[in-house]
Amino acid sequence: MSAIEELRAALLTVVDDVRGASAGLLDVRQRTERALALLGELSSDHHESLVPPEAQRAAEALRQVSLLTVQVETSVQSVLARL
């Protein structure tokens, strides 16, 4: 196997791993958003929000990481196209 073929195989593995990570992140994001929505609903019966500020920051961080995984996959696909 040539070095280019080895590189292509390694990059294809990276793409598969990034896709798996993206799927996992999507699941976590959906569950987090659902939990935050439920906490928001429960907060309507209380004088202050039950949603901790850290939870909102975590949800935003998950969104950012999701965007980064898309960028990584796009970048790796671009390298693969040029091989």
C-alpha atoms as a PDB file:
ATOM      1  CA  MET A   1       0.000   0.000   0.000  1.00  0.00           C
ATOM      2  CA  SER A   2       1.409   3.378  -0.980  1.00  0.00           C
ATOM      3  CA  ALA A   3       1.689   6.279   1.426  1.00  0.00           C
ATOM      4  CA  ILE A   4      -1.164   8.041  -0.378  1.00  0.00           C
ATOM      5  CA  GLU A   5      -3.392   4.992  -0.011  1.00  0.00           C
ATOM      6  CA  GLU A   6      -2.511   4.761   3.684  1.00  0.00           C
ATOM      7  CA  LEU A   7      -3.291   8.448   4.137  1.00  0.00           C
ATOM      8  CA  ARG A   8      -6.599   8.080   2.309  1.00  0.00           C
ATOM      9  CA  ALA A   9      -7.543   5.095   4.493  1.00  0.00           C
ATOM     10  CA  ALA A  10      -6.633   7.006   7.661  1.00  0.00           C
ATOM     11  CA  LEU A  11      -8.629  10.047   6.568  1.00  0.00           C
ATOM     12  CA  LEU A  12     -11.648   7.894   5.732  1.00  0.00           C
ATOM     13  CA  THR A  13     -11.454   6.539   9.269  1.00  0.00           C
ATOM     14  CA  VAL A  14     -11.342  10.100  10.575  1.00  0.00           C
ATOM     15  CA  VAL A  15     -14.455  10.969   8.554  1.00  0.00           C
ATOM     16  CA  ASP A  16     -16.272   7.931   9.958  1.00  0.00           C
ATOM     17  CA  ASP A  17     -15.239   8.851  13.502  1.00  0.00           C
ATOM     18  CA  VAL A  18     -16.301  12.470  13.060  1.00  0.00           C
ATOM     19  CA  ARG A  19     -19.672  11.350  11.686  1.00  0.00           C
ATOM     20  CA  GLY A  20     -20.111   9.101  14.719  1.00  0.00           C
ATOM     21  CA  ALA A  21     -19.225  11.971  17.021  1.00  0.00           C
ATOM     22  CA  SER A  22     -21.690  14.208  15.191  1.00  0.00           C
ATOM     23  CA  ALA A  23     -24.471  11.667  15.654  1.00  0.00           C
ATOM     24  CA  GLY A  24     -23.678  11.377  19.350  1.00  0.00           C
ATOM     25  CA  LEU A  25     -23.599  15.150  19.728  1.00  0.00           C
ATOM     26  CA  LEU A  26     -26.961  15.449  18.017  1.00  0.00           C
ATOM     27  CA  ASP A  27     -28.458  13.003  20.500  1.00  0.00           C
ATOM     28  CA  VAL A  28     -26.927  14.843  23.459  1.00  0.00           C
ATOM     29  CA  ARG A  29     -28.084  18.201  22.113  1.00  0.00           C
ATOM     30  CA  GLN A  30     -31.646  16.963  21.676  1.00  0.00           C
ATOM     31  CA  ARG A  31     -31.738  15.494  25.171  1.00  0.00           C
ATOM     32  CA  THR A  32     -30.228  18.638  26.665  1.00  0.00           C
ATOM     33  CA  GLU A  33     -32.697  20.884  24.872  1.00  0.00           C
ATOM     34  CA  ARG A  34     -35.581  18.687  26.022  1.00  0.00           C
ATOM     35  CA  ALA A  35     -34.346  18.795  29.629  1.00  0.00           C
ATOM     36  CA  LEU A  36     -33.984  22.575  29.460  1.00  0.00           C
ATOM     37  CA  ALA A  37     -37.475  22.895  28.010  1.00  0.00           C
ATOM     38  CA  LEU A  38     -38.895  20.766  30.817  1.00  0.00           C
ATOM     39  CA  LEU A  39     -37.046  22.807  33.419  1.00  0.00           C
ATOM     40  CA  GLY A  40     -38.383  25.942  31.776  1.00  0.00           C
ATOM     41  CA  GLU A  41     -41.923  24.629  32.030  1.00  0.00           C
ATOM     42  CA  LEU A  42     -41.433  23.728  35.680  1.00  0.00           C
ATOM     43  CA  SER A  43     -39.998  27.184  36.315  1.00  0.00           C
ATOM     44  CA  SER A  44     -43.341  28.762  35.478  1.00  0.00           C
ATOM     45  CA  ASP A  45     -44.612  27.526  38.854  1.00  0.00           C
ATOM     46  CA  HIS A  46     -41.679  29.020  40.778  1.00  0.00           C
ATOM     47  CA  HIS A  47     -40.605  32.542  41.598  1.00  0.00           C
ATOM     48  CA  GLU A  48     -37.210  31.977  39.974  1.00  0.00           C
ATOM     49  CA  SER A  49     -35.913  29.913  37.083  1.00  0.00           C
ATOM     50  CA  LEU A  50     -34.999  26.308  37.721  1.00  0.00           C
ATOM     51  CA  VAL A  51     -32.680  26.387  34.711  1.00  0.00           C
ATOM     52  CA  PRO A  52     -29.124  26.858  35.970  1.00  0.00           C
ATOM     53  CA  PRO A  53     -27.008  29.296  33.947  1.00  0.00           C
ATOM     54  CA  GLU A  54     -24.430  26.534  33.515  1.00  0.00           C
ATOM     55  CA  ALA A  55     -26.987  24.455  31.645  1.00  0.00           C
ATOM     56  CA  GLN A  56     -27.547  27.227  29.112  1.00  0.00           C
ATOM     57  CA  ARG A  57     -23.794  27.576  28.647  1.00  0.00           C
ATOM     58  CA  ALA A  58     -23.461  23.815  28.211  1.00  0.00           C
ATOM     59  CA  ALA A  59     -26.193  23.826  25.561  1.00  0.00           C
ATOM     60  CA  GLU A  60     -24.395  26.612  23.701  1.00  0.00           C
ATOM     61  CA  ALA A  61     -21.083  24.753  23.950  1.00  0.00           C
ATOM     62  CA  LEU A  62     -22.749  21.676  22.452  1.00  0.00           C
ATOM     63  CA  ARG A  63     -24.005  23.776  19.548  1.00  0.00           C
ATOM     64  CA  GLN A  64     -20.503  25.154  18.970  1.00  0.00           C
ATOM     65  CA  VAL A  65     -18.906  21.704  19.080  1.00  0.00           C
ATOM     66  CA  SER A  66     -21.511  20.446  16.616  1.00  0.00           C
ATOM     67  CA  LEU A  67     -20.548  23.227  14.212  1.00  0.00           C
ATOM     68  CA  LEU A  68     -16.881  22.380  14.645  1.00  0.00           C
ATOM     69  CA  THR A  69     -17.457  18.722  13.807  1.00  0.00           C
ATOM     70  CA  VAL A  70     -19.131  19.764  10.564  1.00  0.00           C
ATOM     71  CA  GLN A  71     -16.142  21.979   9.768  1.00  0.00           C
ATOM     72  CA  VAL A  72     -13.715  19.154  10.530  1.00  0.00           C
ATOM     73  CA  GLU A  73     -15.582  16.744   8.295  1.00  0.00           C
ATOM     74  CA  THR A  74     -15.718  19.300   5.494  1.00  0.00           C
ATOM     75  CA  SER A  75     -11.991  19.971   5.807  1.00  0.00           C
ATOM     76  CA  VAL A  76     -11.059  16.301   5.790  1.00  0.00           C
ATOM     77  CA  GLN A  77     -13.364  15.658   2.820  1.00  0.00           C
ATOM     78  CA  SER A  78     -11.616  18.499   1.013  1.00  0.00           C
ATOM     79  CA  VAL A  79      -8.214  16.918   1.611  1.00  0.00           C
ATOM     80  CA  LEU A  80      -9.537  13.556   0.434  1.00  0.00           C
ATOM     81  CA  ALA A  81     -10.862  15.123  -2.763  1.00  0.00           C
ATOM     82  CA  ARG A  82      -7.422  16.481  -3.538  1.00  0.00           C
ATOM     83  CA  LEU A  83      -5.648  13.136  -3.063  1.00  0.00           C
END
